[in-house]
Amino acid sequence: MQTKNHELQAYGEECVRKFVGRFSTEEIMAKFMELWATYYPKNHRIMTSSPAILAGIRQKFDQLKNQ
């Protein structure tokens, strides 16, 4: 499970770097959430019901975009 988390994080970070300037944070988040729902359907429901978790994800994407 830990390996899958690292792979997912690396994939998400690479997507942000690749698409910075081409897509908005919301568009990138939507794609990330689709991917997350595929790998972690149970956690996806929990995550999408928590504004704090979504805010943290958005903040991480914004940080990556500004690097």
C-alpha atoms as a PDB file:
ATOM      1  CA  MET A   1       0.000   0.000   0.000  1.00  0.00           C
ATOM      2  CA  GLN A   2       2.849   2.393   0.824  1.00  0.00           C
ATOM      3  CA  THR A   3       4.329   1.865  -2.643  1.00  0.00           C
ATOM      4  CA  LYS A   4       1.002   2.704  -4.257  1.00  0.00           C
ATOM      5  CA  ASN A   5       0.815   5.932  -2.212  1.00  0.00           C
ATOM      6  CA  HIS A   6       4.284   6.979  -3.361  1.00  0.00           C
ATOM      7  CA  GLU A   7       3.474   6.127  -6.965  1.00  0.00           C
ATOM      8  CA  LEU A   8       0.235   8.099  -6.803  1.00  0.00           C
ATOM      9  CA  GLN A   9       1.961  11.101  -5.224  1.00  0.00           C
ATOM     10  CA  ALA A  10       4.752  11.029  -7.803  1.00  0.00           C
ATOM     11  CA  TYR A  11       2.203  10.743 -10.607  1.00  0.00           C
ATOM     12  CA  GLY A  12       0.192  13.662  -9.225  1.00  0.00           C
ATOM     13  CA  GLU A  13       3.280  15.845  -8.883  1.00  0.00           C
ATOM     14  CA  GLU A  14       4.418  15.003 -12.410  1.00  0.00           C
ATOM     15  CA  CYS A  15       0.953  15.848 -13.768  1.00  0.00           C
ATOM     16  CA  VAL A  16       1.054  19.238 -12.085  1.00  0.00           C
ATOM     17  CA  ARG A  17       4.505  20.012 -13.479  1.00  0.00           C
ATOM     18  CA  LYS A  18       3.533  18.816 -16.943  1.00  0.00           C
ATOM     19  CA  PHE A  19       0.264  20.710 -17.121  1.00  0.00           C
ATOM     20  CA  VAL A  20       1.156  23.906 -15.247  1.00  0.00           C
ATOM     21  CA  GLY A  21      -0.023  26.850 -17.281  1.00  0.00           C
ATOM     22  CA  ARG A  22      -2.256  24.643 -19.403  1.00  0.00           C
ATOM     23  CA  PHE A  23      -4.887  23.740 -16.824  1.00  0.00           C
ATOM     24  CA  SER A  24      -6.314  25.386 -13.737  1.00  0.00           C
ATOM     25  CA  THR A  25      -5.797  23.976 -10.259  1.00  0.00           C
ATOM     26  CA  GLU A  26      -9.434  22.844 -10.299  1.00  0.00           C
ATOM     27  CA  GLU A  27      -8.961  20.930 -13.554  1.00  0.00           C
ATOM     28  CA  ILE A  28      -5.832  19.229 -12.227  1.00  0.00           C
ATOM     29  CA  MET A  29      -7.618  18.394  -8.973  1.00  0.00           C
ATOM     30  CA  ALA A  30     -10.534  16.883 -10.891  1.00  0.00           C
ATOM     31  CA  LYS A  31      -8.170  14.562 -12.766  1.00  0.00           C
ATOM     32  CA  PHE A  32      -6.358  13.679  -9.543  1.00  0.00           C
ATOM     33  CA  MET A  33      -9.670  12.884  -7.831  1.00  0.00           C
ATOM     34  CA  GLU A  34     -10.636  10.592 -10.723  1.00  0.00           C
ATOM     35  CA  LEU A  35      -7.354   8.754 -10.304  1.00  0.00           C
ATOM     36  CA  TRP A  36      -7.771   8.603  -6.523  1.00  0.00           C
ATOM     37  CA  ALA A  37     -11.298   7.198  -6.875  1.00  0.00           C
ATOM     38  CA  THR A  38      -9.929   4.423  -9.080  1.00  0.00           C
ATOM     39  CA  TYR A  39      -7.263   3.355  -6.593  1.00  0.00           C
ATOM     40  CA  TYR A  40      -8.964   4.179  -3.289  1.00  0.00           C
ATOM     41  CA  PRO A  41     -12.765   4.225  -3.701  1.00  0.00           C
ATOM     42  CA  LYS A  42     -13.504   4.013   0.039  1.00  0.00           C
ATOM     43  CA  ASN A  43     -11.013   6.740   0.964  1.00  0.00           C
ATOM     44  CA  HIS A  44     -12.248   8.865  -1.940  1.00  0.00           C
ATOM     45  CA  ARG A  45     -15.680   9.185  -0.319  1.00  0.00           C
ATOM     46  CA  ILE A  46     -14.082  10.202   2.982  1.00  0.00           C
ATOM     47  CA  MET A  47     -11.696  12.623   1.312  1.00  0.00           C
ATOM     48  CA  THR A  48     -14.329  14.363  -0.791  1.00  0.00           C
ATOM     49  CA  SER A  49     -16.537  14.869   2.250  1.00  0.00           C
ATOM     50  CA  SER A  50     -13.781  16.730   4.122  1.00  0.00           C
ATOM     51  CA  PRO A  51     -13.210  20.383   3.176  1.00  0.00           C
ATOM     52  CA  ALA A  52      -9.954  20.385   5.167  1.00  0.00           C
ATOM     53  CA  ILE A  53      -8.515  17.492   3.158  1.00  0.00           C
ATOM     54  CA  LEU A  54      -9.559  19.061  -0.136  1.00  0.00           C
ATOM     55  CA  ALA A  55      -8.019  22.381   0.929  1.00  0.00           C
ATOM     56  CA  GLY A  56      -4.770  20.594   1.765  1.00  0.00           C
ATOM     57  CA  ILE A  57      -4.690  18.927  -1.648  1.00  0.00           C
ATOM     58  CA  ARG A  58      -5.380  22.233  -3.384  1.00  0.00           C
ATOM     59  CA  GLN A  59      -2.600  23.880  -1.361  1.00  0.00           C
ATOM     60  CA  LYS A  60      -0.137  21.122  -2.359  1.00  0.00           C
ATOM     61  CA  PHE A  61      -1.021  21.532  -6.030  1.00  0.00           C
ATOM     62  CA  ASP A  62      -0.611  25.309  -5.771  1.00  0.00           C
ATOM     63  CA  GLN A  63       2.827  24.814  -4.174  1.00  0.00           C
ATOM     64  CA  LEU A  64       3.870  22.495  -6.990  1.00  0.00           C
ATOM     65  CA  LYS A  65       2.626  24.939  -9.616  1.00  0.00           C
ATOM     66  CA  ASN A  66       4.714  27.718  -8.058  1.00  0.00           C
ATOM     67  CA  GLN A  67       7.974  25.741  -8.038  1.00  0.00           C
END
